[in-house]
Each structure stands twice: as structure tokens, then as C-alpha cells.
Amino acid sequence: MGNNYEPGQIVTGKVTGIQPYGAFIALENGMQGLVHISEITHGYVKDIHDHLEVGKEVTVKVISVNEEEGKISLSIRATAESKPTSIHEVRRIKLGENSAGFNTLKHKLKEWIEQSEEEK
């Protein structure tokens, strides 16, 4: 194949085609690689067109090179810092013994039976 690409290498390329499963990227020396849909960005990608367009220049990381089959696997996501997928900040609350929060059914059952009998 005669390429000089190594796994882990960061290179730039141009999007030449988009399919439901990924995007084809033209690299130097006439080589072409594929960015699988799962390697587009962090988080869920429903439609690749929401993230890429044909002709756009992108920075990619070489994931693997299969010289026998002439395939280069690429990742855009590996070049970007992970960002939270949710806008909500995760908060952990420590509940004390007497706090109102989750209690097991066994713990609450006696209380519910007593309340039910009082209502009769």
C-alpha cells in the first residue's frame, strides 16, 4: 500500500463522502480512510450530516491500518476532548438516617399498614 500512516498519528483530511455508517476522508498521497459513525464525536450521533459535510477539512486520529485490505480506520472523536453529554450537573446527596428519601418497601410497609387502618 505504501502509506506512512501509523496508529495514533494525527492527520488532516477532507470529507469526500458520507454514508449512514460513517464518513470517508481523503488523506495525503491519494489515500482514503473511514471514520465510523461511533468515532464522529462523543455521545450519540443520529445523523452524520449534523456533524460533517462533504468538502469540510477535519483533523483525525489514525485508529488502525490494514495494509492487506487497504483500509485505514480514523477517529474524529479521539482528537476532541470529552464533553459532558448532559447539561445537568451530577449531584450526589448523602442521606442521613432520618432524612426523607428512598426507603425500602420493607421499611415503609409497617407505616403504610398503620396509616391504612387509621383511615378506616
Protein backbone atom coordinates (compact mmCIF):
# COMPACT_ATOMS: atom_id res chain seq x y z
CA MET A 1 0.00 0.00 0.00
CA GLY A 2 2.93 2.30 0.58
CA ASN A 3 1.39 4.63 3.13
CA ASN A 4 3.17 6.24 6.01
CA TYR A 5 0.26 6.15 8.44
CA GLU A 6 0.69 4.71 11.92
CA PRO A 7 -1.97 4.10 14.61
CA GLY A 8 -2.09 7.09 16.95
CA GLN A 9 -0.96 9.56 14.30
CA ILE A 10 -2.96 12.81 13.99
CA VAL A 11 -3.52 14.00 10.41
CA THR A 12 -5.85 16.27 8.45
CA GLY A 13 -8.08 15.26 5.60
CA LYS A 14 -11.15 16.27 3.65
CA VAL A 15 -14.59 14.66 3.84
CA THR A 16 -15.29 13.09 0.43
CA GLY A 17 -18.43 11.12 1.17
CA ILE A 18 -20.99 10.41 3.88
CA GLN A 19 -22.88 7.16 4.37
CA PRO A 20 -25.23 6.14 7.21
CA TYR A 21 -22.39 4.13 8.80
CA GLY A 22 -19.57 6.70 8.53
CA ALA A 23 -17.67 9.31 6.56
CA PHE A 24 -14.91 8.81 4.01
CA ILE A 25 -11.89 11.06 4.45
CA ALA A 26 -9.34 11.81 1.71
CA LEU A 27 -5.81 11.82 3.12
CA GLU A 28 -2.46 12.76 1.60
CA ASN A 29 -0.94 10.68 -1.20
CA GLY A 30 -4.39 9.77 -2.55
CA MET A 31 -5.16 7.57 0.45
CA GLN A 32 -8.66 7.35 1.89
CA GLY A 33 -9.87 6.36 5.34
CA LEU A 34 -13.18 5.82 7.07
CA VAL A 35 -14.48 7.45 10.24
CA HIS A 36 -17.14 5.10 11.62
CA ILE A 37 -20.29 6.82 12.94
CA SER A 38 -19.27 5.89 16.51
CA GLU A 39 -15.99 7.80 16.02
CA ILE A 40 -17.54 11.09 14.83
CA THR A 41 -18.00 12.71 18.24
CA HIS A 42 -18.54 11.95 21.91
CA GLY A 43 -22.13 10.94 22.57
CA TYR A 44 -24.84 9.66 20.27
CA VAL A 45 -24.83 10.55 16.57
CA LYS A 46 -28.20 10.13 14.89
CA ASP A 47 -27.28 11.75 11.58
CA ILE A 48 -23.69 12.29 10.46
CA HIS A 49 -24.82 15.26 8.37
CA ASP A 50 -25.45 17.12 11.64
CA HIS A 51 -21.68 17.00 12.29
CA LEU A 52 -19.93 16.78 8.91
CA GLU A 53 -20.36 17.89 5.33
CA VAL A 54 -18.63 16.88 2.11
CA GLY A 55 -15.66 19.14 1.43
CA LYS A 56 -15.07 20.01 5.07
CA GLU A 57 -11.49 19.67 6.34
CA VAL A 58 -11.18 17.61 9.53
CA THR A 59 -8.48 16.55 11.94
CA VAL A 60 -8.48 12.80 12.54
CA LYS A 61 -6.54 10.23 14.52
CA VAL A 62 -5.45 7.02 12.82
CA ILE A 63 -7.00 4.12 14.75
CA SER A 64 -5.75 1.22 12.63
CA VAL A 65 -4.15 0.48 9.29
CA ASN A 66 -4.87 -2.75 7.41
CA GLU A 67 -2.37 -2.79 4.54
CA GLU A 68 -3.62 -6.12 3.18
CA GLU A 69 -7.15 -4.79 2.68
CA GLY A 70 -6.05 -1.21 2.04
CA LYS A 71 -8.19 0.18 4.87
CA ILE A 72 -7.45 2.98 7.30
CA SER A 73 -9.76 3.45 10.29
CA LEU A 74 -9.95 7.01 11.58
CA SER A 75 -11.48 8.86 14.52
CA ILE A 76 -12.51 12.48 14.88
CA ARG A 77 -13.76 11.89 18.42
CA ALA A 78 -10.28 10.80 19.59
CA THR A 79 -8.91 14.24 18.68
CA ALA A 80 -11.52 16.11 20.75
CA GLU A 81 -11.76 16.43 24.49
CA SER A 82 -14.68 14.59 26.04
CA LYS A 83 -17.57 16.88 26.89
CA PRO A 84 -20.47 16.05 29.18
CA THR A 85 -23.43 14.70 27.21
CA SER A 86 -25.89 16.27 29.64
CA ILE A 87 -26.32 19.92 30.52
CA HIS A 88 -27.24 18.97 34.05
CA GLU A 89 -24.53 18.78 36.65
CA VAL A 90 -24.38 15.50 38.51
CA ARG A 91 -25.00 15.96 42.21
CA ARG A 92 -24.59 13.35 44.89
CA ILE A 93 -26.63 13.76 48.03
CA LYS A 94 -25.74 11.90 51.18
CA LEU A 95 -28.87 10.98 53.07
CA GLY A 96 -28.87 10.63 56.83
CA GLU A 97 -30.84 8.02 58.74
CA ASN A 98 -33.78 10.36 59.38
CA SER A 99 -33.85 12.05 56.00
CA ALA A 100 -36.73 11.78 53.59
CA GLY A 101 -35.51 9.90 50.58
CA PHE A 102 -35.51 6.38 49.27
CA ASN A 103 -36.61 3.83 51.82
CA THR A 104 -37.08 0.17 51.13
CA LEU A 105 -40.55 -1.28 50.87
CA LYS A 106 -39.96 -3.43 53.94
CA HIS A 107 -39.10 -0.33 55.97
CA LYS A 108 -42.22 1.58 54.88
CA LEU A 109 -44.71 -1.33 54.90
CA LYS A 110 -45.48 -1.14 58.63
CA GLU A 111 -46.09 2.61 58.40
CA TRP A 112 -48.44 2.20 55.43
CA ILE A 113 -50.45 -0.53 57.18
CA GLU A 114 -50.89 1.69 60.25
CA GLN A 115 -52.00 4.63 58.08
CA SER A 116 -54.47 2.42 56.25
CA GLU A 117 -56.01 1.17 59.48
CA GLU A 118 -56.32 4.73 60.85
CA GLU A 119 -58.30 5.80 57.78
CA LYS A 120 -60.94 3.10 58.37
